Protein backbone atom coordinates (compact mmCIF):
# COMPACT_ATOMS: atom_id res chain seq x y z
CA MET A 1 122.77 173.98 66.70
CA ASN A 2 124.77 173.52 69.70
CA LYS A 3 126.31 170.82 71.31
CA THR A 4 123.74 170.56 74.03
CA LYS A 5 120.61 170.49 71.80
CA ARG A 6 122.48 168.03 69.25
CA ALA A 7 123.04 165.98 72.25
CA SER A 8 119.20 165.59 72.88
CA VAL A 9 118.02 164.72 69.27
CA ILE A 10 120.81 161.63 69.21
CA LEU A 11 119.36 160.78 72.62
CA VAL A 12 115.91 161.24 71.56
CA THR A 13 116.78 159.54 68.03
CA VAL A 14 118.88 156.04 69.41
CA ILE A 15 115.74 155.91 72.49
CA ALA A 16 113.07 156.06 69.18
CA ILE A 17 114.96 153.37 67.26
CA GLY A 18 114.97 151.19 70.89
CA LEU A 19 111.40 151.73 70.83
CA ILE A 20 110.36 151.07 67.24
CA ALA A 21 112.85 147.90 67.16
CA GLY A 22 111.23 146.48 71.07
CA LEU A 23 107.73 146.79 69.31
CA THR A 24 108.48 145.36 65.72
CA SER A 25 110.51 142.23 67.96
CA ALA A 26 106.85 141.92 69.84
CA VAL A 27 104.72 142.20 66.68
CA ILE A 28 107.01 139.98 65.01
CA TYR A 29 106.92 137.71 68.01
CA ALA A 30 103.52 137.87 67.82
CA ALA A 31 102.84 136.95 64.65
CA LEU A 32 105.47 133.93 64.66
CA SER A 33 103.49 132.28 68.10
CA ALA A 34 100.42 131.08 68.63
CA SER A 35 99.05 129.17 72.01
CA GLN A 36 96.04 127.07 72.37
CA THR A 37 94.86 125.30 75.64
CA ILE A 38 93.07 122.06 75.62
CA PRO A 39 91.30 120.56 79.19
CA LEU A 40 92.51 116.94 79.75
CA GLN A 41 90.74 114.40 82.45
CA GLY A 42 91.71 110.57 82.49
CA THR A 43 91.85 107.79 85.05
CA VAL A 44 94.56 106.51 87.00
CA SER A 45 94.47 102.84 86.63
CA ALA A 46 94.28 101.22 89.79
CA VAL A 47 95.06 97.60 91.10
CA ASN A 48 93.44 96.84 94.16
CA LEU A 49 91.76 93.21 95.37
CA ALA A 50 89.04 92.95 98.09
CA ILE A 51 88.65 88.93 99.47
CA SER A 52 85.55 88.03 101.59
CA GLN A 53 84.28 84.35 103.06
CA ASN A 54 80.33 84.35 103.21
CA GLY A 55 79.70 87.44 102.09
CA ALA A 56 81.71 88.92 104.68
CA PRO A 57 85.19 90.79 104.49
CA ILE A 58 88.14 89.24 106.01
CA THR A 59 91.24 90.16 107.35
CA SER A 60 92.35 86.70 108.68
CA MET A 61 91.74 83.13 109.20
CA THR A 62 91.39 79.94 111.26
CA TRP A 63 91.82 76.35 110.29
CA ALA A 64 90.59 73.48 112.18
CA PRO A 65 93.05 71.73 113.76
CA MET A 66 94.45 68.55 111.11
CA ASP A 67 96.16 65.86 111.51
CA PRO A 68 99.66 65.08 110.18
CA GLY A 69 100.00 63.98 106.32
CA ALA A 70 96.29 66.49 105.95
CA SER A 71 94.93 68.69 104.03
CA ALA A 72 91.70 71.33 103.99
CA THR A 73 90.33 73.47 102.24
CA GLN A 74 87.87 76.77 102.72
CA ASN A 75 86.88 78.96 99.83
CA VAL A 76 87.01 82.96 99.54
CA THR A 77 85.66 85.43 97.36
CA VAL A 78 88.21 87.07 96.00
CA GLN A 79 87.07 91.17 93.60
CA ASN A 80 88.86 93.02 91.67
CA THR A 81 88.02 96.55 93.34
CA GLY A 82 90.28 98.05 90.51
CA ASN A 83 89.59 99.30 87.17
CA VAL A 84 92.31 97.46 85.51
CA PRO A 85 92.21 93.56 84.43
CA GLU A 86 94.40 91.77 87.22
CA THR A 87 96.24 88.57 87.12
CA LEU A 88 95.73 86.59 90.50
CA SER A 89 98.44 85.18 92.57
CA LEU A 90 98.91 83.71 96.09
CA GLN A 91 101.96 83.25 97.95
CA ILE A 92 102.97 82.91 101.59
CA ASN A 93 105.36 84.33 104.20
CA SER A 94 106.56 84.71 108.06
CA LEU A 95 106.00 81.44 108.73
CA ILE A 96 106.04 80.00 111.64
CA PRO A 97 107.37 77.16 112.72
CA SER A 98 110.02 78.25 109.94
CA GLY A 99 110.85 75.54 107.19
CA CYS A 100 107.88 73.43 108.26
CA GLY A 101 106.89 72.49 105.18
CA ILE A 102 103.01 73.62 105.33
CA THR A 103 101.69 74.93 102.39
CA LEU A 104 98.67 76.77 101.29
CA THR A 105 97.57 76.62 97.27
CA TRP A 106 94.66 77.73 95.41
CA ASN A 107 92.64 77.31 92.22
CA GLN A 108 92.74 80.92 91.09
CA GLN A 109 96.62 81.29 90.49
CA GLY A 110 97.80 82.92 87.07
CA THR A 111 93.71 83.94 86.88
CA VAL A 112 92.95 86.86 84.91
CA LEU A 113 90.54 89.28 86.73
CA ASN A 114 88.43 91.90 84.63
CA ALA A 115 87.90 95.42 86.80
CA GLY A 116 85.01 94.49 88.31
CA SER A 117 84.69 91.19 88.85
CA SER A 118 84.82 88.38 91.06
CA VAL A 119 85.50 84.65 91.71
CA VAL A 120 85.13 82.13 94.02
CA ALA A 121 88.94 80.53 95.08
CA THR A 122 89.41 77.45 96.88
CA LEU A 123 92.30 77.34 99.34
CA THR A 124 94.06 74.26 100.18
CA LEU A 125 96.21 74.10 103.56
CA THR A 126 98.15 70.96 103.80
CA VAL A 127 100.22 69.68 106.59
CA PRO A 128 103.08 67.25 105.74
CA SER A 129 103.25 64.43 107.48
CA THR A 130 106.55 64.90 109.10
CA VAL A 131 105.06 68.12 111.03
CA SER A 132 104.42 66.77 114.79
CA GLY A 133 100.97 66.61 116.72
CA GLY A 134 100.11 69.44 118.48
CA THR A 135 102.44 72.10 116.51
CA ASN A 136 101.08 75.51 116.44
CA TYR A 137 101.23 77.59 113.10
CA SER A 138 100.73 80.76 111.92
CA PHE A 139 101.93 82.37 108.17
CA ASN A 140 100.73 85.66 106.24
CA ALA A 141 98.76 84.80 102.89
CA VAL A 142 98.99 87.29 100.27
CA PHE A 143 96.31 87.63 97.41
CA THR A 144 98.10 89.87 95.29
CA GLY A 145 96.83 91.14 91.83
CA THR A 146 99.37 92.09 88.98
CA GLU A 147 97.89 94.63 86.46
CA ASN A 148 98.43 92.99 83.04
């Protein structure tokens, strides 16, 4: 056999061995590998509150003039419009005039409100006796629902 034919036979043999090795590897991999697709679905927890008064959503409140040392109340409805139980809290911020001592409290601090439930909350505004008559005030009431 001449050198050209011998080289061709060797080349064809090497290619055949490579193809057989590749196919064997693919067959072994296929025999050692399996997959399954499982569709999943769910709901992401949502925390959300709605505040209303007399059946209407509110974005601000106005209180009647108060004497120094007086307290006044207003009722609001707090609804958990999320899909998980929430612990309620209330804070005030941006009080003007700063440090005047005006406070806002409620009877639902720490209450756990289940999803879809509502509760009537009594807000109590207290003006300390040290505040001068004629003082205008403003602040933000921050109602918070925290997921349990």
